[in-house]
Amino acid sequence: MTERVLISKEAEEVVNRLREEYGELMFHQSGGCCDGSSPMCFQKGELLLDDSDVWLGTIAGCDFFISKDQFEYWKHTQLTVDITQGRGSSFSLEIPLGLRFVIKSRLYHKEESNNLTPVKSATEIN
């Protein structure tokens, strides 16, 4: 199966640091509020999800969600969560560290498109 969302080694290290402090975590791909279209990291359950959110997969042991509207724009791309220096302006847990998560994307190859991990409604996961 072709994973829809991946994480860089550097971003995974930050997730592990955050997990030590905050416990279980989750990600949600923002749809334009605050820091534009940034992946945001929350304590699991801190962000209320419903049928308008889609589960794309798991990265570094964290569920990754995106709104259905955003998914329509990004459904042809594989997302990779990475980390960069600089404070973002969101409520994501890494912000106080002077870091922010960012998304890198690429289009799927034809073969990958035919073998994508199925998406699920957020309510099926929670």
PDB file of N, CA and C in Angstrom:
ATOM      1  N   MET A   1       0.842  -1.189   0.000  1.00  0.00           N
ATOM      2  CA  MET A   1       0.000   0.000   0.000  1.00  0.00           C
ATOM      3  C   MET A   1       0.890   1.257   0.000  1.00  0.00           C
ATOM      4  N   THR A   2       0.432   2.271  -0.687  1.00  0.00           N
ATOM      5  CA  THR A   2       1.132   3.552  -0.712  1.00  0.00           C
ATOM      6  C   THR A   2       0.615   4.408   0.437  1.00  0.00           C
ATOM      7  N   GLU A   3       1.508   4.796   1.316  1.00  0.00           N
ATOM      8  CA  GLU A   3       1.132   5.651   2.443  1.00  0.00           C
ATOM      9  C   GLU A   3       0.758   7.040   1.939  1.00  0.00           C
ATOM     10  N   ARG A   4      -0.259   7.632   2.525  1.00  0.00           N
ATOM     11  CA  ARG A   4      -0.685   8.975   2.134  1.00  0.00           C
ATOM     12  C   ARG A   4       0.091  10.064   2.871  1.00  0.00           C
ATOM     13  N   VAL A   5       0.602   9.721   4.051  1.00  0.00           N
ATOM     14  CA  VAL A   5       1.333  10.710   4.845  1.00  0.00           C
ATOM     15  C   VAL A   5       2.557  10.044   5.468  1.00  0.00           C
ATOM     16  N   LEU A   6       3.673  10.762   5.408  1.00  0.00           N
ATOM     17  CA  LEU A   6       4.953  10.294   5.946  1.00  0.00           C
ATOM     18  C   LEU A   6       5.502  11.357   6.891  1.00  0.00           C
ATOM     19  N   ILE A   7       6.612  11.062   7.554  1.00  0.00           N
ATOM     20  CA  ILE A   7       7.246  12.028   8.440  1.00  0.00           C
ATOM     21  C   ILE A   7       8.758  11.919   8.276  1.00  0.00           C
ATOM     22  N   SER A   8       9.441  13.048   8.277  1.00  0.00           N
ATOM     23  CA  SER A   8      10.898  13.030   8.188  1.00  0.00           C
ATOM     24  C   SER A   8      11.491  12.580   9.522  1.00  0.00           C
ATOM     25  N   LYS A   9      12.710  12.121   9.475  1.00  0.00           N
ATOM     26  CA  LYS A   9      13.402  11.677  10.690  1.00  0.00           C
ATOM     27  C   LYS A   9      13.497  12.823  11.696  1.00  0.00           C
ATOM     28  N   GLU A  10      13.819  14.029  11.213  1.00  0.00           N
ATOM     29  CA  GLU A  10      13.956  15.198  12.097  1.00  0.00           C
ATOM     30  C   GLU A  10      12.629  15.556  12.759  1.00  0.00           C
ATOM     31  N   ALA A  11      11.553  15.502  11.996  1.00  0.00           N
ATOM     32  CA  ALA A  11      10.234  15.798  12.567  1.00  0.00           C
ATOM     33  C   ALA A  11       9.824  14.723  13.564  1.00  0.00           C
ATOM     34  N   GLU A  12      10.166  13.472  13.277  1.00  0.00           N
ATOM     35  CA  GLU A  12       9.840  12.383  14.200  1.00  0.00           C
ATOM     36  C   GLU A  12      10.558  12.565  15.539  1.00  0.00           C
ATOM     37  N   GLU A  13      11.785  13.050  15.501  1.00  0.00           N
ATOM     38  CA  GLU A  13      12.516  13.325  16.745  1.00  0.00           C
ATOM     39  C   GLU A  13      11.803  14.384  17.580  1.00  0.00           C
ATOM     40  N   VAL A  14      11.263  15.401  16.929  1.00  0.00           N
ATOM     41  CA  VAL A  14      10.515  16.445  17.647  1.00  0.00           C
ATOM     42  C   VAL A  14       9.229  15.857  18.226  1.00  0.00           C
ATOM     43  N   VAL A  15       8.542  15.034  17.463  1.00  0.00           N
ATOM     44  CA  VAL A  15       7.327  14.376  17.962  1.00  0.00           C
ATOM     45  C   VAL A  15       7.647  13.558  19.205  1.00  0.00           C
ATOM     46  N   ASN A  16       8.751  12.841  19.190  1.00  0.00           N
ATOM     47  CA  ASN A  16       9.129  12.038  20.355  1.00  0.00           C
ATOM     48  C   ASN A  16       9.401  12.917  21.571  1.00  0.00           C
ATOM     49  N   ARG A  17      10.032  14.060  21.373  1.00  0.00           N
ATOM     50  CA  ARG A  17      10.240  15.018  22.478  1.00  0.00           C
ATOM     51  C   ARG A  17       8.907  15.512  23.028  1.00  0.00           C
ATOM     52  N   LEU A  18       8.003  15.869  22.123  1.00  0.00           N
ATOM     53  CA  LEU A  18       6.695  16.379  22.544  1.00  0.00           C
ATOM     54  C   LEU A  18       5.888  15.300  23.266  1.00  0.00           C
ATOM     55  N   ARG A  19       5.990  14.070  22.807  1.00  0.00           N
ATOM     56  CA  ARG A  19       5.263  12.963  23.432  1.00  0.00           C
ATOM     57  C   ARG A  19       5.716  12.760  24.876  1.00  0.00           C
ATOM     58  N   GLU A  20       7.015  12.922  25.135  1.00  0.00           N
ATOM     59  CA  GLU A  20       7.531  12.789  26.500  1.00  0.00           C
ATOM     60  C   GLU A  20       6.885  13.808  27.432  1.00  0.00           C
ATOM     61  N   GLU A  21       6.626  14.994  26.918  1.00  0.00           N
ATOM     62  CA  GLU A  21       6.039  16.048  27.747  1.00  0.00           C
ATOM     63  C   GLU A  21       4.518  16.006  27.802  1.00  0.00           C
ATOM     64  N   TYR A  22       3.875  15.678  26.671  1.00  0.00           N
ATOM     65  CA  TYR A  22       2.421  15.820  26.575  1.00  0.00           C
ATOM     66  C   TYR A  22       1.651  14.502  26.495  1.00  0.00           C
ATOM     67  N   GLY A  23       2.327  13.391  26.324  1.00  0.00           N
ATOM     68  CA  GLY A  23       1.624  12.115  26.188  1.00  0.00           C
ATOM     69  C   GLY A  23       1.225  11.860  24.742  1.00  0.00           C
ATOM     70  N   GLU A  24       0.094  11.154  24.557  1.00  0.00           N
ATOM     71  CA  GLU A  24      -0.355  10.811  23.205  1.00  0.00           C
ATOM     72  C   GLU A  24      -0.667  12.063  22.402  1.00  0.00           C
ATOM     73  N   LEU A  25      -0.290  12.015  21.117  1.00  0.00           N
ATOM     74  CA  LEU A  25      -0.443  13.175  20.244  1.00  0.00           C
ATOM     75  C   LEU A  25      -1.244  12.822  19.001  1.00  0.00           C
ATOM     76  N   MET A  26      -1.681  13.855  18.300  1.00  0.00           N
ATOM     77  CA  MET A  26      -2.376  13.718  17.023  1.00  0.00           C
ATOM     78  C   MET A  26      -1.992  14.898  16.139  1.00  0.00           C
ATOM     79  N   PHE A  27      -2.166  14.749  14.850  1.00  0.00           N
ATOM     80  CA  PHE A  27      -1.934  15.828  13.894  1.00  0.00           C
ATOM     81  C   PHE A  27      -3.212  16.148  13.150  1.00  0.00           C
ATOM     82  N   HIS A  28      -3.347  17.428  12.784  1.00  0.00           N
ATOM     83  CA  HIS A  28      -4.434  17.862  11.907  1.00  0.00           C
ATOM     84  C   HIS A  28      -3.854  18.851  10.916  1.00  0.00           C
ATOM     85  N   GLN A  29      -4.124  18.605   9.641  1.00  0.00           N
ATOM     86  CA  GLN A  29      -3.658  19.512   8.603  1.00  0.00           C
ATOM     87  C   GLN A  29      -4.604  20.698   8.555  1.00  0.00           C
ATOM     88  N   SER A  30      -4.084  21.844   8.918  1.00  0.00           N
ATOM     89  CA  SER A  30      -4.862  23.076   8.958  1.00  0.00           C
ATOM     90  C   SER A  30      -5.347  23.444   7.566  1.00  0.00           C
ATOM     91  N   GLY A  31      -6.479  24.112   7.543  1.00  0.00           N
ATOM     92  CA  GLY A  31      -7.057  24.543   6.276  1.00  0.00           C
ATOM     93  C   GLY A  31      -6.921  26.022   6.016  1.00  0.00           C
ATOM     94  N   GLY A  32      -5.942  26.688   6.588  1.00  0.00           N
ATOM     95  CA  GLY A  32      -5.720  28.077   6.260  1.00  0.00           C
ATOM     96  C   GLY A  32      -5.803  29.025   7.438  1.00  0.00           C
ATOM     97  N   CYS A  33      -6.233  28.576   8.585  1.00  0.00           N
ATOM     98  CA  CYS A  33      -6.291  29.437   9.762  1.00  0.00           C
ATOM     99  C   CYS A  33      -4.887  29.589  10.352  1.00  0.00           C
ATOM    100  N   CYS A  34      -4.638  30.669  10.984  1.00  0.00           N
ATOM    101  CA  CYS A  34      -3.391  30.911  11.713  1.00  0.00           C
ATOM    102  C   CYS A  34      -2.169  30.843  10.819  1.00  0.00           C
ATOM    103  N   ASP A  35      -1.533  29.704  10.738  1.00  0.00           N
ATOM    104  CA  ASP A  35      -0.260  29.556  10.043  1.00  0.00           C
ATOM    105  C   ASP A  35      -0.438  29.110   8.592  1.00  0.00           C
ATOM    106  N   GLY A  36      -1.514  29.517   7.968  1.00  0.00           N
ATOM    107  CA  GLY A  36      -1.735  29.098   6.593  1.00  0.00           C
ATOM    108  C   GLY A  36      -2.236  27.680   6.535  1.00  0.00           C
ATOM    109  N   SER A  37      -1.495  26.845   5.876  1.00  0.00           N
ATOM    110  CA  SER A  37      -1.889  25.453   5.722  1.00  0.00           C
ATOM    111  C   SER A  37      -0.816  24.569   6.336  1.00  0.00           C
ATOM    112  N   SER A  38      -0.702  24.620   7.644  1.00  0.00           N
ATOM    113  CA  SER A  38       0.349  23.904   8.365  1.00  0.00           C
ATOM    114  C   SER A  38      -0.196  22.688   9.089  1.00  0.00           C
ATOM    115  N   PRO A  39       0.630  21.656   9.211  1.00  0.00           N
ATOM    116  CA  PRO A  39       0.229  20.533  10.052  1.00  0.00           C
ATOM    117  C   PRO A  39       0.362  20.951  11.514  1.00  0.00           C
ATOM    118  N   MET A  40      -0.660  20.706  12.283  1.00  0.00           N
ATOM    119  CA  MET A  40      -0.630  21.103  13.692  1.00  0.00           C
ATOM    120  C   MET A  40      -0.680  19.870  14.572  1.00  0.00           C
ATOM    121  N   CYS A  41       0.138  19.896  15.629  1.00  0.00           N
ATOM    122  CA  CYS A  41       0.259  18.797  16.573  1.00  0.00           C
ATOM    123  C   CYS A  41      -0.449  19.173  17.872  1.00  0.00           C
ATOM    124  N   PHE A  42      -1.319  18.283  18.324  1.00  0.00           N
ATOM    125  CA  PHE A  42      -2.085  18.504  19.553  1.00  0.00           C
ATOM    126  C   PHE A  42      -1.981  17.275  20.448  1.00  0.00           C
ATOM    127  N   GLN A  43      -2.309  17.455  21.722  1.00  0.00           N
ATOM    128  CA  GLN A  43      -2.505  16.287  22.568  1.00  0.00           C
ATOM    129  C   GLN A  43      -3.710  15.541  22.003  1.00  0.00           C
ATOM    130  N   LYS A  44      -3.632  14.218  22.010  1.00  0.00           N
ATOM    131  CA  LYS A  44      -4.727  13.421  21.476  1.00  0.00           C
ATOM    132  C   LYS A  44      -6.033  13.794  22.172  1.00  0.00           C
ATOM    133  N   GLY A  45      -7.063  14.073  21.381  1.00  0.00           N
ATOM    134  CA  GLY A  45      -8.370  14.432  21.914  1.00  0.00           C
ATOM    135  C   GLY A  45      -8.561  15.913  22.155  1.00  0.00           C
ATOM    136  N   GLU A  46      -7.494  16.708  22.060  1.00  0.00           N
ATOM    137  CA  GLU A  46      -7.622  18.147  22.310  1.00  0.00           C
ATOM    138  C   GLU A  46      -8.421  18.849  21.212  1.00  0.00           C
ATOM    139  N   LEU A  47      -8.302  18.384  19.996  1.00  0.00           N
ATOM    140  CA  LEU A  47      -9.050  18.951  18.877  1.00  0.00           C
ATOM    141  C   LEU A  47     -10.233  18.039  18.591  1.00  0.00           C
ATOM    142  N   LEU A  48     -11.429  18.607  18.633  1.00  0.00           N
ATOM    143  CA  LEU A  48     -12.625  17.812  18.379  1.00  0.00           C
ATOM    144  C   LEU A  48     -12.788  17.592  16.891  1.00  0.00           C
ATOM    145  N   LEU A  49     -12.947  16.348  16.501  1.00  0.00           N
ATOM    146  CA  LEU A  49     -13.088  15.960  15.107  1.00  0.00           C
ATOM    147  C   LEU A  49     -14.490  15.438  14.856  1.00  0.00           C
ATOM    148  N   ASP A  50     -14.928  15.513  13.589  1.00  0.00           N
ATOM    149  CA  ASP A  50     -16.245  14.981  13.241  1.00  0.00           C
ATOM    150  C   ASP A  50     -16.205  14.440  11.817  1.00  0.00           C
ATOM    151  N   ASP A  51     -17.363  14.236  11.216  1.00  0.00           N
ATOM    152  CA  ASP A  51     -17.436  13.658   9.873  1.00  0.00           C
ATOM    153  C   ASP A  51     -16.851  14.562   8.793  1.00  0.00           C
ATOM    154  N   SER A  52     -16.529  15.795   9.134  1.00  0.00           N
ATOM    155  CA  SER A  52     -15.913  16.687   8.140  1.00  0.00           C
ATOM    156  C   SER A  52     -14.396  16.545   8.131  1.00  0.00           C
ATOM    157  N   ASP A  53     -13.862  15.622   8.936  1.00  0.00           N
ATOM    158  CA  ASP A  53     -12.425  15.355   8.984  1.00  0.00           C
ATOM    159  C   ASP A  53     -12.145  13.943   8.481  1.00  0.00           C
ATOM    160  N   VAL A  54     -10.992  13.793   7.836  1.00  0.00           N
ATOM    161  CA  VAL A  54     -10.594  12.531   7.230  1.00  0.00           C
ATOM    162  C   VAL A  54      -9.286  12.074   7.872  1.00  0.00           C
ATOM    163  N   TRP A  55      -9.203  10.776   8.174  1.00  0.00           N
ATOM    164  CA  TRP A  55      -7.976  10.176   8.676  1.00  0.00           C
ATOM    165  C   TRP A  55      -7.155   9.710   7.489  1.00  0.00           C
ATOM    166  N   LEU A  56      -5.887  10.178   7.411  1.00  0.00           N
ATOM    167  CA  LEU A  56      -5.014   9.788   6.297  1.00  0.00           C
ATOM    168  C   LEU A  56      -4.061   8.654   6.662  1.00  0.00           C
ATOM    169  N   GLY A  57      -3.765   8.515   7.939  1.00  0.00           N
ATOM    170  CA  GLY A  57      -2.821   7.486   8.345  1.00  0.00           C
ATOM    171  C   GLY A  57      -2.198   7.820   9.685  1.00  0.00           C
ATOM    172  N   THR A  58      -1.114   7.138   9.986  1.00  0.00           N
ATOM    173  CA  THR A  58      -0.410   7.319  11.250  1.00  0.00           C
ATOM    174  C   THR A  58       1.041   7.643  10.955  1.00  0.00           C
ATOM    175  N   ILE A  59       1.572   8.658  11.646  1.00  0.00           N
ATOM    176  CA  ILE A  59       2.986   9.009  11.540  1.00  0.00           C
ATOM    177  C   ILE A  59       3.565   9.071  12.942  1.00  0.00           C
ATOM    178  N   ALA A  60       4.696   8.453  13.139  1.00  0.00           N
ATOM    179  CA  ALA A  60       5.378   8.453  14.441  1.00  0.00           C
ATOM    180  C   ALA A  60       4.414   8.099  15.571  1.00  0.00           C
ATOM    181  N   GLY A  61       3.501   7.175  15.307  1.00  0.00           N
ATOM    182  CA  GLY A  61       2.547   6.738  16.316  1.00  0.00           C
ATOM    183  C   GLY A  61       1.395   7.698  16.562  1.00  0.00           C
ATOM    184  N   CYS A  62       1.226   8.687  15.687  1.00  0.00           N
ATOM    185  CA  CYS A  62       0.170   9.701  15.846  1.00  0.00           C
ATOM    186  C   CYS A  62      -0.791   9.638  14.666  1.00  0.00           C
ATOM    187  N   ASP A  63      -2.090   9.656  14.946  1.00  0.00           N
ATOM    188  CA  ASP A  63      -3.070   9.739  13.867  1.00  0.00           C
ATOM    189  C   ASP A  63      -2.941  11.093  13.181  1.00  0.00           C
ATOM    190  N   PHE A  64      -3.126  11.097  11.865  1.00  0.00           N
ATOM    191  CA  PHE A  64      -3.033  12.323  11.068  1.00  0.00           C
ATOM    192  C   PHE A  64      -4.361  12.530  10.357  1.00  0.00           C
ATOM    193  N   PHE A  65      -4.975  13.690  10.600  1.00  0.00           N
ATOM    194  CA  PHE A  65      -6.278  14.030  10.041  1.00  0.00           C
ATOM    195  C   PHE A  65      -6.174  15.273   9.165  1.00  0.00           C
ATOM    196  N   ILE A  66      -7.149  15.424   8.278  1.00  0.00           N
ATOM    197  CA  ILE A  66      -7.247  16.590   7.413  1.00  0.00           C
ATOM    198  C   ILE A  66      -8.736  16.830   7.166  1.00  0.00           C
ATOM    199  N   SER A  67      -9.118  18.081   6.978  1.00  0.00           N
ATOM    200  CA  SER A  67     -10.530  18.339   6.682  1.00  0.00           C
ATOM    201  C   SER A  67     -10.852  17.800   5.289  1.00  0.00           C
ATOM    202  N   LYS A  68     -12.116  17.412   5.073  1.00  0.00           N
ATOM    203  CA  LYS A  68     -12.526  16.875   3.779  1.00  0.00           C
ATOM    204  C   LYS A  68     -12.239  17.867   2.658  1.00  0.00           C
ATOM    205  N   ASP A  69     -12.491  19.156   2.916  1.00  0.00           N
ATOM    206  CA  ASP A  69     -12.243  20.172   1.889  1.00  0.00           C
ATOM    207  C   ASP A  69     -10.770  20.225   1.505  1.00  0.00           C
ATOM    208  N   GLN A  70      -9.882  20.217   2.506  1.00  0.00           N
ATOM    209  CA  GLN A  70      -8.443  20.217   2.231  1.00  0.00           C
ATOM    210  C   GLN A  70      -8.041  18.937   1.513  1.00  0.00           C
ATOM    211  N   PHE A  71      -8.606  17.818   1.927  1.00  0.00           N
ATOM    212  CA  PHE A  71      -8.283  16.542   1.300  1.00  0.00           C
ATOM    213  C   PHE A  71      -8.576  16.569  -0.196  1.00  0.00           C
ATOM    214  N   GLU A  72      -9.667  17.221  -0.590  1.00  0.00           N
ATOM    215  CA  GLU A  72     -10.005  17.308  -2.009  1.00  0.00           C
ATOM    216  C   GLU A  72      -8.892  17.989  -2.803  1.00  0.00           C
ATOM    217  N   TYR A  73      -8.230  18.974  -2.207  1.00  0.00           N
ATOM    218  CA  TYR A  73      -7.117  19.652  -2.875  1.00  0.00           C
ATOM    219  C   TYR A  73      -5.858  18.785  -2.912  1.00  0.00           C
ATOM    220  N   TRP A  74      -5.637  18.006  -1.875  1.00  0.00           N
ATOM    221  CA  TRP A  74      -4.374  17.302  -1.686  1.00  0.00           C
ATOM    222  C   TRP A  74      -4.452  15.800  -1.960  1.00  0.00           C
ATOM    223  N   LYS A  75      -5.590  15.277  -2.402  1.00  0.00           N
ATOM    224  CA  LYS A  75      -5.766  13.830  -2.506  1.00  0.00           C
ATOM    225  C   LYS A  75      -4.858  13.171  -3.542  1.00  0.00           C
ATOM    226  N   HIS A  76      -4.279  13.936  -4.425  1.00  0.00           N
ATOM    227  CA  HIS A  76      -3.392  13.383  -5.452  1.00  0.00           C
ATOM    228  C   HIS A  76      -1.922  13.485  -5.051  1.00  0.00           C
ATOM    229  N   THR A  77      -1.671  13.886  -3.807  1.00  0.00           N
ATOM    230  CA  THR A  77      -0.295  14.088  -3.363  1.00  0.00           C
ATOM    231  C   THR A  77       0.000  13.312  -2.092  1.00  0.00           C
ATOM    232  N   GLN A  78       1.242  12.871  -1.989  1.00  0.00           N
ATOM    233  CA  GLN A  78       1.716  12.264  -0.754  1.00  0.00           C
ATOM    234  C   GLN A  78       2.286  13.389   0.102  1.00  0.00           C
ATOM    235  N   LEU A  79       1.861  13.449   1.344  1.00  0.00           N
ATOM    236  CA  LEU A  79       2.299  14.496   2.260  1.00  0.00           C
ATOM    237  C   LEU A  79       3.426  13.972   3.138  1.00  0.00           C
ATOM    238  N   THR A  80       4.423  14.806   3.374  1.00  0.00           N
ATOM    239  CA  THR A  80       5.491  14.468   4.312  1.00  0.00           C
ATOM    240  C   THR A  80       5.590  15.600   5.328  1.00  0.00           C
ATOM    241  N   VAL A  81       5.438  15.253   6.593  1.00  0.00           N
ATOM    242  CA  VAL A  81       5.582  16.233   7.671  1.00  0.00           C
ATOM    243  C   VAL A  81       7.075  16.389   7.945  1.00  0.00           C
ATOM    244  N   ASP A  82       7.519  17.639   7.928  1.00  0.00           N
ATOM    245  CA  ASP A  82       8.912  17.959   8.214  1.00  0.00           C
ATOM    246  C   ASP A  82       8.927  19.052   9.271  1.00  0.00           C
ATOM    247  N   ILE A  83      10.099  19.463   9.681  1.00  0.00           N
ATOM    248  CA  ILE A  83      10.251  20.485  10.719  1.00  0.00           C
ATOM    249  C   ILE A  83      11.210  21.557  10.219  1.00  0.00           C
ATOM    250  N   THR A  84      10.997  22.787  10.640  1.00  0.00           N
ATOM    251  CA  THR A  84      11.888  23.875  10.264  1.00  0.00           C
ATOM    252  C   THR A  84      12.041  24.831  11.442  1.00  0.00           C
ATOM    253  N   GLN A  85      13.112  25.592  11.434  1.00  0.00           N
ATOM    254  CA  GLN A  85      13.336  26.601  12.466  1.00  0.00           C
ATOM    255  C   GLN A  85      12.357  27.752  12.269  1.00  0.00           C
ATOM    256  N   GLY A  86      12.000  28.417  13.343  1.00  0.00           N
ATOM    257  CA  GLY A  86      11.130  29.587  13.269  1.00  0.00           C
ATOM    258  C   GLY A  86       9.799  29.331  13.930  1.00  0.00           C
ATOM    259  N   ARG A  87       9.321  30.341  14.607  1.00  0.00           N
ATOM    260  CA  ARG A  87       8.034  30.225  15.295  1.00  0.00           C
ATOM    261  C   ARG A  87       6.895  30.408  14.317  1.00  0.00           C
ATOM    262  N   GLY A  88       5.999  29.479  14.327  1.00  0.00           N
ATOM    263  CA  GLY A  88       4.771  29.637  13.571  1.00  0.00           C
ATOM    264  C   GLY A  88       3.774  30.409  14.417  1.00  0.00           C
ATOM    265  N   SER A  89       2.601  30.630  13.864  1.00  0.00           N
ATOM    266  CA  SER A  89       1.593  31.387  14.615  1.00  0.00           C
ATOM    267  C   SER A  89       0.350  30.546  14.875  1.00  0.00           C
ATOM    268  N   SER A  90       0.558  29.256  15.096  1.00  0.00           N
ATOM    269  CA  SER A  90      -0.574  28.376  15.363  1.00  0.00           C
ATOM    270  C   SER A  90      -0.563  27.935  16.823  1.00  0.00           C
ATOM    271  N   PHE A  91      -1.454  27.024  17.134  1.00  0.00           N
ATOM    272  CA  PHE A  91      -1.554  26.491  18.490  1.00  0.00           C
ATOM    273  C   PHE A  91      -0.842  25.140  18.607  1.00  0.00           C
ATOM    274  N   SER A  92      -0.046  24.809  17.622  1.00  0.00           N
ATOM    275  CA  SER A  92       0.642  23.529  17.588  1.00  0.00           C
ATOM    276  C   SER A  92       1.687  23.449  18.700  1.00  0.00           C
ATOM    277  N   LEU A  93       1.880  22.264  19.252  1.00  0.00           N
ATOM    278  CA  LEU A  93       2.712  22.076  20.443  1.00  0.00           C
ATOM    279  C   LEU A  93       4.196  22.381  20.251  1.00  0.00           C
ATOM    280  N   GLU A  94       4.704  22.333  19.035  1.00  0.00           N
ATOM    281  CA  GLU A  94       6.133  22.589  18.815  1.00  0.00           C
ATOM    282  C   GLU A  94       6.497  24.069  18.799  1.00  0.00           C
ATOM    283  N   ILE A  95       5.529  24.939  18.690  1.00  0.00           N
ATOM    284  CA  ILE A  95       5.776  26.383  18.540  1.00  0.00           C
ATOM    285  C   ILE A  95       6.667  26.949  19.654  1.00  0.00           C
ATOM    286  N   PRO A  96       6.438  26.627  20.937  1.00  0.00           N
ATOM    287  CA  PRO A  96       7.316  27.170  21.989  1.00  0.00           C
ATOM    288  C   PRO A  96       8.786  26.733  21.876  1.00  0.00           C
ATOM    289  N   LEU A  97       9.051  25.694  21.082  1.00  0.00           N
ATOM    290  CA  LEU A  97      10.426  25.232  20.890  1.00  0.00           C
ATOM    291  C   LEU A  97      11.167  26.063  19.842  1.00  0.00           C
ATOM    292  N   GLY A  98      10.474  27.033  19.235  1.00  0.00           N
ATOM    293  CA  GLY A  98      11.089  27.820  18.172  1.00  0.00           C
ATOM    294  C   GLY A  98      11.146  27.054  16.858  1.00  0.00           C
ATOM    295  N   LEU A  99      10.273  26.075  16.721  1.00  0.00           N
ATOM    296  CA  LEU A  99      10.193  25.225  15.538  1.00  0.00           C
ATOM    297  C   LEU A  99       8.766  25.223  15.018  1.00  0.00           C
ATOM    298  N   ARG A 100       8.604  24.741  13.783  1.00  0.00           N
ATOM    299  CA  ARG A 100       7.250  24.519  13.292  1.00  0.00           C
ATOM    300  C   ARG A 100       7.251  23.399  12.283  1.00  0.00           C
ATOM    301  N   PHE A 101       6.175  22.631  12.330  1.00  0.00           N
ATOM    302  CA  PHE A 101       5.993  21.566  11.365  1.00  0.00           C
ATOM    303  C   PHE A 101       5.566  22.182  10.042  1.00  0.00           C
ATOM    304  N   VAL A 102       6.034  21.609   8.957  1.00  0.00           N
ATOM    305  CA  VAL A 102       5.655  22.034   7.609  1.00  0.00           C
ATOM    306  C   VAL A 102       5.313  20.789   6.795  1.00  0.00           C
ATOM    307  N   ILE A 103       4.576  21.001   5.718  1.00  0.00           N
ATOM    308  CA  ILE A 103       4.218  19.916   4.805  1.00  0.00           C
ATOM    309  C   ILE A 103       5.015  20.057   3.521  1.00  0.00           C
ATOM    310  N   LYS A 104       5.549  18.947   3.089  1.00  0.00           N
ATOM    311  CA  LYS A 104       6.133  18.837   1.754  1.00  0.00           C
ATOM    312  C   LYS A 104       5.257  17.837   1.017  1.00  0.00           C
ATOM    313  N   SER A 105       5.031  18.080  -0.247  1.00  0.00           N
ATOM    314  CA  SER A 105       4.146  17.179  -0.987  1.00  0.00           C
ATOM    315  C   SER A 105       4.718  16.867  -2.359  1.00  0.00           C
ATOM    316  N   ARG A 106       4.276  15.744  -2.874  1.00  0.00           N
ATOM    317  CA  ARG A 106       4.618  15.341  -4.239  1.00  0.00           C
ATOM    318  C   ARG A 106       3.442  14.563  -4.813  1.00  0.00           C
ATOM    319  N   LEU A 107       3.284  14.641  -6.117  1.00  0.00           N
ATOM    320  CA  LEU A 107       2.232  13.886  -6.786  1.00  0.00           C
ATOM    321  C   LEU A 107       2.567  12.406  -6.769  1.00  0.00           C
ATOM    322  N   TYR A 108       1.535  11.585  -6.645  1.00  0.00           N
ATOM    323  CA  TYR A 108       1.731  10.145  -6.725  1.00  0.00           C
ATOM    324  C   TYR A 108       2.082   9.743  -8.157  1.00  0.00           C
ATOM    325  N   HIS A 109       2.892   8.706  -8.285  1.00  0.00           N
ATOM    326  CA  HIS A 109       3.102   8.064  -9.576  1.00  0.00           C
ATOM    327  C   HIS A 109       1.849   7.247  -9.878  1.00  0.00           C
ATOM    328  N   LYS A 110       1.631   6.942 -11.142  1.00  0.00           N
ATOM    329  CA  LYS A 110       0.426   6.211 -11.545  1.00  0.00           C
ATOM    330  C   LYS A 110       0.268   4.908 -10.761  1.00  0.00           C
ATOM    331  N   GLU A 111       1.355   4.158 -10.608  1.00  0.00           N
ATOM    332  CA  GLU A 111       1.281   2.881  -9.893  1.00  0.00           C
ATOM    333  C   GLU A 111       0.896   3.093  -8.427  1.00  0.00           C
ATOM    334  N   GLU A 112       1.434   4.145  -7.819  1.00  0.00           N
ATOM    335  CA  GLU A 112       1.114   4.440  -6.421  1.00  0.00           C
ATOM    336  C   GLU A 112      -0.358   4.811  -6.272  1.00  0.00           C
ATOM    337  N   SER A 113      -0.876   5.573  -7.219  1.00  0.00           N
ATOM    338  CA  SER A 113      -2.278   6.013  -7.159  1.00  0.00           C
ATOM    339  C   SER A 113      -3.238   4.835  -7.141  1.00  0.00           C
ATOM    340  N   ASN A 114      -2.828   3.738  -7.741  1.00  0.00           N
ATOM    341  CA  ASN A 114      -3.690   2.552  -7.795  1.00  0.00           C
ATOM    342  C   ASN A 114      -3.616   1.700  -6.538  1.00  0.00           C
ATOM    343  N   ASN A 115      -2.771   2.107  -5.577  1.00  0.00           N
ATOM    344  CA  ASN A 115      -2.551   1.281  -4.394  1.00  0.00           C
ATOM    345  C   ASN A 115      -2.502   2.124  -3.117  1.00  0.00           C
ATOM    346  N   LEU A 116      -3.349   3.151  -3.035  1.00  0.00           N
ATOM    347  CA  LEU A 116      -3.333   4.069  -1.897  1.00  0.00           C
ATOM    348  C   LEU A 116      -3.994   3.484  -0.657  1.00  0.00           C
ATOM    349  N   THR A 117      -3.449   3.819   0.483  1.00  0.00           N
ATOM    350  CA  THR A 117      -4.071   3.462   1.756  1.00  0.00           C
ATOM    351  C   THR A 117      -5.463   4.107   1.799  1.00  0.00           C
ATOM    352  N   PRO A 118      -6.497   3.354   2.146  1.00  0.00           N
ATOM    353  CA  PRO A 118      -7.845   3.936   2.211  1.00  0.00           C
ATOM    354  C   PRO A 118      -7.947   5.007   3.292  1.00  0.00           C
ATOM    355  N   VAL A 119      -8.707   6.044   3.007  1.00  0.00           N
ATOM    356  CA  VAL A 119      -8.989   7.060   4.023  1.00  0.00           C
ATOM    357  C   VAL A 119     -10.228   6.630   4.782  1.00  0.00           C
ATOM    358  N   LYS A 120     -10.378   7.190   5.992  1.00  0.00           N
ATOM    359  CA  LYS A 120     -11.534   6.901   6.826  1.00  0.00           C
ATOM    360  C   LYS A 120     -12.053   8.198   7.407  1.00  0.00           C
ATOM    361  N   SER A 121     -13.297   8.222   7.761  1.00  0.00           N
ATOM    362  CA  SER A 121     -13.867   9.347   8.479  1.00  0.00           C
ATOM    363  C   SER A 121     -13.228   9.391   9.872  1.00  0.00           C
ATOM    364  N   ALA A 122     -12.994  10.576  10.381  1.00  0.00           N
ATOM    365  CA  ALA A 122     -12.409  10.712  11.722  1.00  0.00           C
ATOM    366  C   ALA A 122     -13.260  10.016  12.774  1.00  0.00           C
ATOM    367  N   THR A 123     -14.556   9.966  12.578  1.00  0.00           N
ATOM    368  CA  THR A 123     -15.428   9.329  13.575  1.00  0.00           C
ATOM    369  C   THR A 123     -15.238   7.806  13.577  1.00  0.00           C
ATOM    370  N   GLU A 124     -14.709   7.229  12.509  1.00  0.00           N
ATOM    371  CA  GLU A 124     -14.427   5.795  12.490  1.00  0.00           C
ATOM    372  C   GLU A 124     -13.194   5.473  13.322  1.00  0.00           C
ATOM    373  N   ILE A 125     -12.311   6.433  13.509  1.00  0.00           N
ATOM    374  CA  ILE A 125     -11.060   6.235  14.225  1.00  0.00           C
ATOM    375  C   ILE A 125     -11.243   6.461  15.723  1.00  0.00           C
ATOM    376  N   ASN A 126     -11.988   7.478  16.064  1.00  0.00           N
ATOM    377  CA  ASN A 126     -12.132   7.861  17.486  1.00  0.00           C
ATOM    378  C   ASN A 126     -13.184   7.088  18.183  1.00  0.00           C
TER     379      ASN A 126
END
